[in-house]
Amino acid sequence: MNTTWVKVFVAALFEVFWVIGLKHADDFWTWGGTVIAIIISFYLMIMAGRVLPVGTVYAVFVGMGTAGTVISEIIFFGEPFQLEKILFILLLLIGVIGLKVVTKEKEGVDA
């Protein structure tokens, strides 16, 4: 996996942080962390979009962010586990992996 895809995955990780932060932030420090996570997440996504097709970057970013947020809510915040929910997350991740496999980088572009 090259550095451009790593940027997409790290951006999705930070998306999980800021989405959870939007729900759970309640003081200056947690809101500050949420804003920093938003900035890092979107910066990395924009940088990856310079090399990979923007639609693919966005789909992978949102898909992984959604999966990570749902799983985090179950593990850390007591959201009830539902087999159906997990199966749909797996279906979403299959689509994300498929997009990564079929997407080629633009030639001669550095991100």
PDB file of N, CA and C in Angstrom:
ATOM      1  N   MET A   1       0.862  -1.179   0.000  1.00  0.00           N
ATOM      2  CA  MET A   1       0.000   0.000   0.000  1.00  0.00           C
ATOM      3  C   MET A   1       0.901   1.233   0.000  1.00  0.00           C
ATOM      4  N   ASN A   2       0.567   2.200  -0.840  1.00  0.00           N
ATOM      5  CA  ASN A   2       1.420   3.380  -0.932  1.00  0.00           C
ATOM      6  C   ASN A   2       0.964   4.486   0.014  1.00  0.00           C
ATOM      7  N   THR A   3       1.732   5.559   0.066  1.00  0.00           N
ATOM      8  CA  THR A   3       1.464   6.632   1.036  1.00  0.00           C
ATOM      9  C   THR A   3       0.157   7.361   0.772  1.00  0.00           C
ATOM     10  N   THR A   4      -0.293   7.397  -0.472  1.00  0.00           N
ATOM     11  CA  THR A   4      -1.553   8.079  -0.760  1.00  0.00           C
ATOM     12  C   THR A   4      -2.718   7.345  -0.106  1.00  0.00           C
ATOM     13  N   TRP A   5      -2.733   6.024  -0.215  1.00  0.00           N
ATOM     14  CA  TRP A   5      -3.807   5.261   0.435  1.00  0.00           C
ATOM     15  C   TRP A   5      -3.681   5.340   1.959  1.00  0.00           C
ATOM     16  N   VAL A   6      -2.464   5.385   2.471  1.00  0.00           N
ATOM     17  CA  VAL A   6      -2.288   5.552   3.916  1.00  0.00           C
ATOM     18  C   VAL A   6      -2.937   6.865   4.361  1.00  0.00           C
ATOM     19  N   LYS A   7      -2.779   7.926   3.564  1.00  0.00           N
ATOM     20  CA  LYS A   7      -3.417   9.211   3.892  1.00  0.00           C
ATOM     21  C   LYS A   7      -4.930   9.069   3.968  1.00  0.00           C
ATOM     22  N   VAL A   8      -5.517   8.318   3.039  1.00  0.00           N
ATOM     23  CA  VAL A   8      -6.973   8.114   3.056  1.00  0.00           C
ATOM     24  C   VAL A   8      -7.385   7.382   4.333  1.00  0.00           C
ATOM     25  N   PHE A   9      -6.655   6.340   4.692  1.00  0.00           N
ATOM     26  CA  PHE A   9      -7.012   5.560   5.881  1.00  0.00           C
ATOM     27  C   PHE A   9      -6.809   6.353   7.169  1.00  0.00           C
ATOM     28  N   VAL A  10      -5.744   7.128   7.243  1.00  0.00           N
ATOM     29  CA  VAL A  10      -5.524   7.963   8.428  1.00  0.00           C
ATOM     30  C   VAL A  10      -6.593   9.058   8.493  1.00  0.00           C
ATOM     31  N   ALA A  11      -6.960   9.618   7.345  1.00  0.00           N
ATOM     32  CA  ALA A  11      -8.041  10.616   7.312  1.00  0.00           C
ATOM     33  C   ALA A  11      -9.339  10.006   7.836  1.00  0.00           C
ATOM     34  N   ALA A  12      -9.620   8.765   7.459  1.00  0.00           N
ATOM     35  CA  ALA A  12     -10.832   8.091   7.940  1.00  0.00           C
ATOM     36  C   ALA A  12     -10.759   7.844   9.446  1.00  0.00           C
ATOM     37  N   LEU A  13      -9.577   7.517   9.950  1.00  0.00           N
ATOM     38  CA  LEU A  13      -9.407   7.337  11.392  1.00  0.00           C
ATOM     39  C   LEU A  13      -9.724   8.635  12.132  1.00  0.00           C
ATOM     40  N   PHE A  14      -9.195   9.749  11.629  1.00  0.00           N
ATOM     41  CA  PHE A  14      -9.477  11.035  12.259  1.00  0.00           C
ATOM     42  C   PHE A  14     -10.944  11.428  12.098  1.00  0.00           C
ATOM     43  N   GLU A  15     -11.580  10.948  11.014  1.00  0.00           N
ATOM     44  CA  GLU A  15     -13.011  11.192  10.864  1.00  0.00           C
ATOM     45  C   GLU A  15     -13.784  10.546  12.010  1.00  0.00           C
ATOM     46  N   VAL A  16     -13.390   9.344  12.391  1.00  0.00           N
ATOM     47  CA  VAL A  16     -14.050   8.673  13.519  1.00  0.00           C
ATOM     48  C   VAL A  16     -13.922   9.540  14.770  1.00  0.00           C
ATOM     49  N   PHE A  17     -12.735  10.092  15.016  1.00  0.00           N
ATOM     50  CA  PHE A  17     -12.521  10.934  16.198  1.00  0.00           C
ATOM     51  C   PHE A  17     -13.413  12.169  16.175  1.00  0.00           C
ATOM     52  N   TRP A  18     -13.482  12.859  15.015  1.00  0.00           N
ATOM     53  CA  TRP A  18     -14.258  14.092  15.023  1.00  0.00           C
ATOM     54  C   TRP A  18     -15.751  13.841  15.032  1.00  0.00           C
ATOM     55  N   VAL A  19     -16.201  12.746  14.422  1.00  0.00           N
ATOM     56  CA  VAL A  19     -17.634  12.446  14.475  1.00  0.00           C
ATOM     57  C   VAL A  19     -18.046  12.115  15.905  1.00  0.00           C
ATOM     58  N   ILE A  20     -17.253  11.315  16.587  1.00  0.00           N
ATOM     59  CA  ILE A  20     -17.540  11.019  17.992  1.00  0.00           C
ATOM     60  C   ILE A  20     -17.435  12.293  18.819  1.00  0.00           C
ATOM     61  N   GLY A  21     -16.445  13.133  18.510  1.00  0.00           N
ATOM     62  CA  GLY A  21     -16.296  14.402  19.215  1.00  0.00           C
ATOM     63  C   GLY A  21     -17.513  15.298  19.059  1.00  0.00           C
ATOM     64  N   LEU A  22     -18.120  15.315  17.876  1.00  0.00           N
ATOM     65  CA  LEU A  22     -19.315  16.143  17.681  1.00  0.00           C
ATOM     66  C   LEU A  22     -20.440  15.729  18.624  1.00  0.00           C
ATOM     67  N   LYS A  23     -20.512  14.449  18.932  1.00  0.00           N
ATOM     68  CA  LYS A  23     -21.563  13.969  19.827  1.00  0.00           C
ATOM     69  C   LYS A  23     -21.201  14.121  21.310  1.00  0.00           C
ATOM     70  N   HIS A  24     -19.932  13.890  21.637  1.00  0.00           N
ATOM     71  CA  HIS A  24     -19.558  13.769  23.047  1.00  0.00           C
ATOM     72  C   HIS A  24     -18.749  14.937  23.611  1.00  0.00           C
ATOM     73  N   ALA A  25     -18.318  15.876  22.795  1.00  0.00           N
ATOM     74  CA  ALA A  25     -17.511  16.997  23.304  1.00  0.00           C
ATOM     75  C   ALA A  25     -18.365  17.883  24.198  1.00  0.00           C
ATOM     76  N   ASP A  26     -17.773  18.284  25.339  1.00  0.00           N
ATOM     77  CA  ASP A  26     -18.545  19.110  26.270  1.00  0.00           C
ATOM     78  C   ASP A  26     -17.717  20.189  26.965  1.00  0.00           C
ATOM     79  N   ASP A  27     -16.457  20.336  26.583  1.00  0.00           N
ATOM     80  CA  ASP A  27     -15.648  21.411  27.161  1.00  0.00           C
ATOM     81  C   ASP A  27     -14.651  21.908  26.112  1.00  0.00           C
ATOM     82  N   PHE A  28     -13.873  22.900  26.484  1.00  0.00           N
ATOM     83  CA  PHE A  28     -12.934  23.520  25.554  1.00  0.00           C
ATOM     84  C   PHE A  28     -11.974  22.506  24.932  1.00  0.00           C
ATOM     85  N   TRP A  29     -11.419  21.611  25.745  1.00  0.00           N
ATOM     86  CA  TRP A  29     -10.389  20.687  25.272  1.00  0.00           C
ATOM     87  C   TRP A  29     -10.963  19.643  24.330  1.00  0.00           C
ATOM     88  N   THR A  30     -12.131  19.103  24.648  1.00  0.00           N
ATOM     89  CA  THR A  30     -12.705  18.103  23.752  1.00  0.00           C
ATOM     90  C   THR A  30     -13.187  18.740  22.449  1.00  0.00           C
ATOM     91  N   TRP A  31     -13.708  19.965  22.511  1.00  0.00           N
ATOM     92  CA  TRP A  31     -14.074  20.664  21.274  1.00  0.00           C
ATOM     93  C   TRP A  31     -12.826  21.023  20.473  1.00  0.00           C
ATOM     94  N   GLY A  32     -11.752  21.421  21.162  1.00  0.00           N
ATOM     95  CA  GLY A  32     -10.505  21.723  20.479  1.00  0.00           C
ATOM     96  C   GLY A  32      -9.948  20.497  19.767  1.00  0.00           C
ATOM     97  N   GLY A  33      -9.982  19.354  20.435  1.00  0.00           N
ATOM     98  CA  GLY A  33      -9.541  18.107  19.814  1.00  0.00           C
ATOM     99  C   GLY A  33     -10.393  17.730  18.617  1.00  0.00           C
ATOM    100  N   THR A  34     -11.684  17.980  18.724  1.00  0.00           N
ATOM    101  CA  THR A  34     -12.596  17.702  17.611  1.00  0.00           C
ATOM    102  C   THR A  34     -12.249  18.556  16.397  1.00  0.00           C
ATOM    103  N   VAL A  35     -11.998  19.844  16.617  1.00  0.00           N
ATOM    104  CA  VAL A  35     -11.650  20.745  15.515  1.00  0.00           C
ATOM    105  C   VAL A  35     -10.312  20.333  14.885  1.00  0.00           C
ATOM    106  N   ILE A  36      -9.343  19.975  15.705  1.00  0.00           N
ATOM    107  CA  ILE A  36      -8.053  19.520  15.182  1.00  0.00           C
ATOM    108  C   ILE A  36      -8.227  18.253  14.353  1.00  0.00           C
ATOM    109  N   ALA A  37      -9.056  17.324  14.826  1.00  0.00           N
ATOM    110  CA  ALA A  37      -9.308  16.095  14.072  1.00  0.00           C
ATOM    111  C   ALA A  37      -9.974  16.393  12.732  1.00  0.00           C
ATOM    112  N   ILE A  38     -10.882  17.355  12.699  1.00  0.00           N
ATOM    113  CA  ILE A  38     -11.527  17.752  11.435  1.00  0.00           C
ATOM    114  C   ILE A  38     -10.483  18.290  10.466  1.00  0.00           C
ATOM    115  N   ILE A  39      -9.612  19.162  10.955  1.00  0.00           N
ATOM    116  CA  ILE A  39      -8.591  19.771  10.089  1.00  0.00           C
ATOM    117  C   ILE A  39      -7.656  18.707   9.527  1.00  0.00           C
ATOM    118  N   ILE A  40      -7.159  17.823  10.378  1.00  0.00           N
ATOM    119  CA  ILE A  40      -6.250  16.766   9.924  1.00  0.00           C
ATOM    120  C   ILE A  40      -6.955  15.851   8.927  1.00  0.00           C
ATOM    121  N   SER A  41      -8.162  15.454   9.246  1.00  0.00           N
ATOM    122  CA  SER A  41      -8.922  14.549   8.400  1.00  0.00           C
ATOM    123  C   SER A  41      -9.131  15.118   7.000  1.00  0.00           C
ATOM    124  N   PHE A  42      -9.612  16.349   6.923  1.00  0.00           N
ATOM    125  CA  PHE A  42      -9.882  16.937   5.619  1.00  0.00           C
ATOM    126  C   PHE A  42      -8.596  17.272   4.861  1.00  0.00           C
ATOM    127  N   TYR A  43      -7.554  17.664   5.566  1.00  0.00           N
ATOM    128  CA  TYR A  43      -6.279  17.933   4.905  1.00  0.00           C
ATOM    129  C   TYR A  43      -5.760  16.677   4.209  1.00  0.00           C
ATOM    130  N   LEU A  44      -5.749  15.565   4.933  1.00  0.00           N
ATOM    131  CA  LEU A  44      -5.263  14.311   4.356  1.00  0.00           C
ATOM    132  C   LEU A  44      -6.140  13.846   3.200  1.00  0.00           C
ATOM    133  N   MET A  45      -7.453  14.023   3.331  1.00  0.00           N
ATOM    134  CA  MET A  45      -8.353  13.636   2.254  1.00  0.00           C
ATOM    135  C   MET A  45      -8.096  14.482   1.007  1.00  0.00           C
ATOM    136  N   ILE A  46      -7.903  15.766   1.181  1.00  0.00           N
ATOM    137  CA  ILE A  46      -7.628  16.662   0.053  1.00  0.00           C
ATOM    138  C   ILE A  46      -6.298  16.288  -0.613  1.00  0.00           C
ATOM    139  N   MET A  47      -5.284  15.998   0.183  1.00  0.00           N
ATOM    140  CA  MET A  47      -3.984  15.608  -0.385  1.00  0.00           C
ATOM    141  C   MET A  47      -4.109  14.302  -1.189  1.00  0.00           C
ATOM    142  N   ALA A  48      -4.854  13.362  -0.684  1.00  0.00           N
ATOM    143  CA  ALA A  48      -5.047  12.098  -1.405  1.00  0.00           C
ATOM    144  C   ALA A  48      -5.833  12.321  -2.692  1.00  0.00           C
ATOM    145  N   GLY A  49      -6.770  13.259  -2.674  1.00  0.00           N
ATOM    146  CA  GLY A  49      -7.571  13.566  -3.854  1.00  0.00           C
ATOM    147  C   GLY A  49      -6.775  14.182  -4.984  1.00  0.00           C
ATOM    148  N   ARG A  50      -5.587  14.637  -4.699  1.00  0.00           N
ATOM    149  CA  ARG A  50      -4.714  15.173  -5.756  1.00  0.00           C
ATOM    150  C   ARG A  50      -4.086  14.057  -6.588  1.00  0.00           C
ATOM    151  N   VAL A  51      -4.040  12.862  -6.031  1.00  0.00           N
ATOM    152  CA  VAL A  51      -3.400  11.734  -6.708  1.00  0.00           C
ATOM    153  C   VAL A  51      -4.424  10.694  -7.161  1.00  0.00           C
ATOM    154  N   LEU A  52      -5.406  10.418  -6.321  1.00  0.00           N
ATOM    155  CA  LEU A  52      -6.442   9.429  -6.625  1.00  0.00           C
ATOM    156  C   LEU A  52      -7.712  10.147  -7.073  1.00  0.00           C
ATOM    157  N   PRO A  53      -8.595   9.444  -7.763  1.00  0.00           N
ATOM    158  CA  PRO A  53      -9.871  10.064  -8.129  1.00  0.00           C
ATOM    159  C   PRO A  53     -10.644  10.508  -6.882  1.00  0.00           C
ATOM    160  N   VAL A  54     -11.156  11.722  -6.926  1.00  0.00           N
ATOM    161  CA  VAL A  54     -11.806  12.309  -5.750  1.00  0.00           C
ATOM    162  C   VAL A  54     -13.012  11.482  -5.301  1.00  0.00           C
ATOM    163  N   GLY A  55     -13.782  10.980  -6.237  1.00  0.00           N
ATOM    164  CA  GLY A  55     -14.950  10.172  -5.877  1.00  0.00           C
ATOM    165  C   GLY A  55     -14.571   8.925  -5.106  1.00  0.00           C
ATOM    166  N   THR A  56     -13.484   8.292  -5.517  1.00  0.00           N
ATOM    167  CA  THR A  56     -13.013   7.093  -4.825  1.00  0.00           C
ATOM    168  C   THR A  56     -12.487   7.450  -3.441  1.00  0.00           C
ATOM    169  N   VAL A  57     -11.700   8.512  -3.354  1.00  0.00           N
ATOM    170  CA  VAL A  57     -11.173   8.953  -2.058  1.00  0.00           C
ATOM    171  C   VAL A  57     -12.326   9.223  -1.102  1.00  0.00           C
ATOM    172  N   TYR A  58     -13.320   9.953  -1.575  1.00  0.00           N
ATOM    173  CA  TYR A  58     -14.444  10.310  -0.706  1.00  0.00           C
ATOM    174  C   TYR A  58     -15.227   9.071  -0.288  1.00  0.00           C
ATOM    175  N   ALA A  59     -15.480   8.159  -1.220  1.00  0.00           N
ATOM    176  CA  ALA A  59     -16.228   6.946  -0.888  1.00  0.00           C
ATOM    177  C   ALA A  59     -15.496   6.100   0.153  1.00  0.00           C
ATOM    178  N   VAL A  60     -14.191   5.938  -0.020  1.00  0.00           N
ATOM    179  CA  VAL A  60     -13.408   5.154   0.932  1.00  0.00           C
ATOM    180  C   VAL A  60     -13.354   5.871   2.289  1.00  0.00           C
ATOM    181  N   PHE A  61     -13.136   7.171   2.267  1.00  0.00           N
ATOM    182  CA  PHE A  61     -13.086   7.994   3.476  1.00  0.00           C
ATOM    183  C   PHE A  61     -14.386   7.855   4.273  1.00  0.00           C
ATOM    184  N   VAL A  62     -15.510   8.046   3.615  1.00  0.00           N
ATOM    185  CA  VAL A  62     -16.798   7.995   4.303  1.00  0.00           C
ATOM    186  C   VAL A  62     -17.134   6.567   4.741  1.00  0.00           C
ATOM    187  N   GLY A  63     -16.852   5.591   3.873  1.00  0.00           N
ATOM    188  CA  GLY A  63     -17.149   4.200   4.224  1.00  0.00           C
ATOM    189  C   GLY A  63     -16.370   3.727   5.434  1.00  0.00           C
ATOM    190  N   MET A  64     -15.072   4.000   5.431  1.00  0.00           N
ATOM    191  CA  MET A  64     -14.258   3.576   6.575  1.00  0.00           C
ATOM    192  C   MET A  64     -14.600   4.379   7.821  1.00  0.00           C
ATOM    193  N   GLY A  65     -14.873   5.664   7.635  1.00  0.00           N
ATOM    194  CA  GLY A  65     -15.270   6.485   8.776  1.00  0.00           C
ATOM    195  C   GLY A  65     -16.583   6.010   9.397  1.00  0.00           C
ATOM    196  N   THR A  66     -17.521   5.651   8.546  1.00  0.00           N
ATOM    197  CA  THR A  66     -18.805   5.142   9.039  1.00  0.00           C
ATOM    198  C   THR A  66     -18.615   3.837   9.794  1.00  0.00           C
ATOM    199  N   ALA A  67     -17.865   2.922   9.203  1.00  0.00           N
ATOM    200  CA  ALA A  67     -17.616   1.639   9.864  1.00  0.00           C
ATOM    201  C   ALA A  67     -16.909   1.851  11.201  1.00  0.00           C
ATOM    202  N   GLY A  68     -15.896   2.689  11.202  1.00  0.00           N
ATOM    203  CA  GLY A  68     -15.158   2.951  12.436  1.00  0.00           C
ATOM    204  C   GLY A  68     -16.007   3.607  13.510  1.00  0.00           C
ATOM    205  N   THR A  69     -16.876   4.514  13.099  1.00  0.00           N
ATOM    206  CA  THR A  69     -17.740   5.194  14.065  1.00  0.00           C
ATOM    207  C   THR A  69     -18.739   4.223  14.681  1.00  0.00           C
ATOM    208  N   VAL A  70     -19.368   3.393  13.854  1.00  0.00           N
ATOM    209  CA  VAL A  70     -20.343   2.421  14.368  1.00  0.00           C
ATOM    210  C   VAL A  70     -19.666   1.436  15.315  1.00  0.00           C
ATOM    211  N   ILE A  71     -18.510   0.927  14.921  1.00  0.00           N
ATOM    212  CA  ILE A  71     -17.800  -0.033  15.767  1.00  0.00           C
ATOM    213  C   ILE A  71     -17.346   0.630  17.072  1.00  0.00           C
ATOM    214  N   SER A  72     -16.864   1.870  16.999  1.00  0.00           N
ATOM    215  CA  SER A  72     -16.455   2.595  18.208  1.00  0.00           C
ATOM    216  C   SER A  72     -17.625   2.826  19.148  1.00  0.00           C
ATOM    217  N   GLU A  73     -18.774   3.170  18.586  1.00  0.00           N
ATOM    218  CA  GLU A  73     -19.962   3.377  19.424  1.00  0.00           C
ATOM    219  C   GLU A  73     -20.341   2.088  20.149  1.00  0.00           C
ATOM    220  N   ILE A  74     -20.216   0.952  19.483  1.00  0.00           N
ATOM    221  CA  ILE A  74     -20.536  -0.333  20.119  1.00  0.00           C
ATOM    222  C   ILE A  74     -19.518  -0.652  21.215  1.00  0.00           C
ATOM    223  N   ILE A  75     -18.224  -0.487  20.907  1.00  0.00           N
ATOM    224  CA  ILE A  75     -17.174  -0.877  21.850  1.00  0.00           C
ATOM    225  C   ILE A  75     -17.054   0.085  23.029  1.00  0.00           C
ATOM    226  N   PHE A  76     -17.088   1.386  22.770  1.00  0.00           N
ATOM    227  CA  PHE A  76     -16.755   2.362  23.805  1.00  0.00           C
ATOM    228  C   PHE A  76     -17.956   3.071  24.431  1.00  0.00           C
ATOM    229  N   PHE A  77     -19.092   3.099  23.759  1.00  0.00           N
ATOM    230  CA  PHE A  77     -20.198   3.928  24.247  1.00  0.00           C
ATOM    231  C   PHE A  77     -21.489   3.158  24.486  1.00  0.00           C
ATOM    232  N   GLY A  78     -21.425   1.835  24.511  1.00  0.00           N
ATOM    233  CA  GLY A  78     -22.569   1.038  24.920  1.00  0.00           C
ATOM    234  C   GLY A  78     -23.700   0.931  23.907  1.00  0.00           C
ATOM    235  N   GLU A  79     -23.433   1.244  22.657  1.00  0.00           N
ATOM    236  CA  GLU A  79     -24.446   1.046  21.614  1.00  0.00           C
ATOM    237  C   GLU A  79     -24.711  -0.456  21.508  1.00  0.00           C
ATOM    238  N   PRO A  80     -25.977  -0.862  21.435  1.00  0.00           N
ATOM    239  CA  PRO A  80     -26.252  -2.306  21.382  1.00  0.00           C
ATOM    240  C   PRO A  80     -25.682  -2.967  20.123  1.00  0.00           C
ATOM    241  N   PHE A  81     -25.142  -4.161  20.312  1.00  0.00           N
ATOM    242  CA  PHE A  81     -24.614  -4.948  19.196  1.00  0.00           C
ATOM    243  C   PHE A  81     -25.781  -5.558  18.438  1.00  0.00           C
ATOM    244  N   GLN A  82     -25.795  -5.372  17.119  1.00  0.00           N
ATOM    245  CA  GLN A  82     -26.811  -5.986  16.273  1.00  0.00           C
ATOM    246  C   GLN A  82     -26.096  -6.671  15.119  1.00  0.00           C
ATOM    247  N   LEU A  83     -26.358  -7.947  14.941  1.00  0.00           N
ATOM    248  CA  LEU A  83     -25.725  -8.703  13.874  1.00  0.00           C
ATOM    249  C   LEU A  83     -25.998  -8.071  12.513  1.00  0.00           C
ATOM    250  N   GLU A  84     -27.222  -7.617  12.298  1.00  0.00           N
ATOM    251  CA  GLU A  84     -27.572  -7.001  11.011  1.00  0.00           C
ATOM    252  C   GLU A  84     -26.697  -5.779  10.727  1.00  0.00           C
ATOM    253  N   LYS A  85     -26.471  -4.983  11.754  1.00  0.00           N
ATOM    254  CA  LYS A  85     -25.643  -3.784  11.602  1.00  0.00           C
ATOM    255  C   LYS A  85     -24.216  -4.157  11.200  1.00  0.00           C
ATOM    256  N   ILE A  86     -23.670  -5.174  11.835  1.00  0.00           N
ATOM    257  CA  ILE A  86     -22.317  -5.620  11.537  1.00  0.00           C
ATOM    258  C   ILE A  86     -22.243  -6.189  10.114  1.00  0.00           C
ATOM    259  N   LEU A  87     -23.251  -6.918   9.693  1.00  0.00           N
ATOM    260  CA  LEU A  87     -23.266  -7.454   8.332  1.00  0.00           C
ATOM    261  C   LEU A  87     -23.294  -6.335   7.298  1.00  0.00           C
ATOM    262  N   PHE A  88     -24.059  -5.283   7.549  1.00  0.00           N
ATOM    263  CA  PHE A  88     -24.081  -4.160   6.621  1.00  0.00           C
ATOM    264  C   PHE A  88     -22.751  -3.395   6.627  1.00  0.00           C
ATOM    265  N   ILE A  89     -22.115  -3.305   7.772  1.00  0.00           N
ATOM    266  CA  ILE A  89     -20.786  -2.685   7.837  1.00  0.00           C
ATOM    267  C   ILE A  89     -19.795  -3.511   7.005  1.00  0.00           C
ATOM    268  N   LEU A  90     -19.867  -4.832   7.120  1.00  0.00           N
ATOM    269  CA  LEU A  90     -18.990  -5.694   6.314  1.00  0.00           C
ATOM    270  C   LEU A  90     -19.254  -5.510   4.824  1.00  0.00           C
ATOM    271  N   LEU A  91     -20.516  -5.388   4.447  1.00  0.00           N
ATOM    272  CA  LEU A  91     -20.858  -5.137   3.042  1.00  0.00           C
ATOM    273  C   LEU A  91     -20.266  -3.810   2.575  1.00  0.00           C
ATOM    274  N   LEU A  92     -20.376  -2.791   3.423  1.00  0.00           N
ATOM    275  CA  LEU A  92     -19.791  -1.488   3.116  1.00  0.00           C
ATOM    276  C   LEU A  92     -18.271  -1.600   2.936  1.00  0.00           C
ATOM    277  N   LEU A  93     -17.619  -2.319   3.825  1.00  0.00           N
ATOM    278  CA  LEU A  93     -16.170  -2.478   3.740  1.00  0.00           C
ATOM    279  C   LEU A  93     -15.746  -3.275   2.504  1.00  0.00           C
ATOM    280  N   ILE A  94     -16.557  -4.234   2.080  1.00  0.00           N
ATOM    281  CA  ILE A  94     -16.263  -4.964   0.845  1.00  0.00           C
ATOM    282  C   ILE A  94     -16.262  -3.999  -0.335  1.00  0.00           C
ATOM    283  N   GLY A  95     -17.227  -3.090  -0.363  1.00  0.00           N
ATOM    284  CA  GLY A  95     -17.269  -2.077  -1.422  1.00  0.00           C
ATOM    285  C   GLY A  95     -16.058  -1.164  -1.380  1.00  0.00           C
ATOM    286  N   VAL A  96     -15.658  -0.753  -0.188  1.00  0.00           N
ATOM    287  CA  VAL A  96     -14.491   0.123  -0.029  1.00  0.00           C
ATOM    288  C   VAL A  96     -13.225  -0.585  -0.510  1.00  0.00           C
ATOM    289  N   ILE A  97     -13.059  -1.839  -0.131  1.00  0.00           N
ATOM    290  CA  ILE A  97     -11.888  -2.604  -0.575  1.00  0.00           C
ATOM    291  C   ILE A  97     -11.910  -2.761  -2.094  1.00  0.00           C
ATOM    292  N   GLY A  98     -13.086  -3.024  -2.647  1.00  0.00           N
ATOM    293  CA  GLY A  98     -13.208  -3.138  -4.103  1.00  0.00           C
ATOM    294  C   GLY A  98     -12.796  -1.859  -4.809  1.00  0.00           C
ATOM    295  N   LEU A  99     -13.219  -0.709  -4.281  1.00  0.00           N
ATOM    296  CA  LEU A  99     -12.818   0.567  -4.883  1.00  0.00           C
ATOM    297  C   LEU A  99     -11.310   0.747  -4.829  1.00  0.00           C
ATOM    298  N   LYS A 100     -10.706   0.379  -3.716  1.00  0.00           N
ATOM    299  CA  LYS A 100      -9.254   0.520  -3.598  1.00  0.00           C
ATOM    300  C   LYS A 100      -8.545  -0.365  -4.609  1.00  0.00           C
ATOM    301  N   VAL A 101      -9.032  -1.577  -4.780  1.00  0.00           N
ATOM    302  CA  VAL A 101      -8.378  -2.529  -5.682  1.00  0.00           C
ATOM    303  C   VAL A 101      -8.433  -2.060  -7.137  1.00  0.00           C
ATOM    304  N   VAL A 102      -9.542  -1.478  -7.561  1.00  0.00           N
ATOM    305  CA  VAL A 102      -9.688  -1.118  -8.982  1.00  0.00           C
ATOM    306  C   VAL A 102      -9.233   0.293  -9.312  1.00  0.00           C
ATOM    307  N   THR A 103      -8.813   1.069  -8.315  1.00  0.00           N
ATOM    308  CA  THR A 103      -8.435   2.472  -8.550  1.00  0.00           C
ATOM    309  C   THR A 103      -6.938   2.592  -8.801  1.00  0.00           C
ATOM    310  N   LYS A 104      -6.605   3.296  -9.862  1.00  0.00           N
ATOM    311  CA  LYS A 104      -5.210   3.563 -10.215  1.00  0.00           C
ATOM    312  C   LYS A 104      -4.860   4.993  -9.856  1.00  0.00           C
ATOM    313  N   GLU A 105      -3.597   5.225  -9.489  1.00  0.00           N
ATOM    314  CA  GLU A 105      -3.115   6.572  -9.218  1.00  0.00           C
ATOM    315  C   GLU A 105      -2.878   7.308 -10.525  1.00  0.00           C
ATOM    316  N   LYS A 106      -2.968   8.638 -10.454  1.00  0.00           N
ATOM    317  CA  LYS A 106      -2.611   9.457 -11.614  1.00  0.00           C
ATOM    318  C   LYS A 106      -1.099   9.415 -11.779  1.00  0.00           C
ATOM    319  N   GLU A 107      -0.655   9.353 -13.008  1.00  0.00           N
ATOM    320  CA  GLU A 107       0.783   9.294 -13.295  1.00  0.00           C
ATOM    321  C   GLU A 107       1.460  10.636 -13.045  1.00  0.00           C
ATOM    322  N   GLY A 108       2.639  10.609 -12.440  1.00  0.00           N
ATOM    323  CA  GLY A 108       3.471  11.794 -12.309  1.00  0.00           C
ATOM    324  C   GLY A 108       2.948  12.856 -11.372  1.00  0.00           C
ATOM    325  N   VAL A 109       2.096  12.506 -10.419  1.00  0.00           N
ATOM    326  CA  VAL A 109       1.552  13.487  -9.484  1.00  0.00           C
ATOM    327  C   VAL A 109       2.033  13.108  -8.101  1.00  0.00           C
ATOM    328  N   ASP A 110       2.601  14.066  -7.392  1.00  0.00           N
ATOM    329  CA  ASP A 110       3.028  13.863  -6.004  1.00  0.00           C
ATOM    330  C   ASP A 110       2.049  14.508  -5.074  1.00  0.00           C
ATOM    331  N   ALA A 111       1.739  13.823  -3.989  1.00  0.00           N
ATOM    332  CA  ALA A 111       0.811  14.390  -3.004  1.00  0.00           C
ATOM    333  C   ALA A 111       1.565  14.771  -1.761  1.00  0.00           C
TER     334      ALA A 111
END
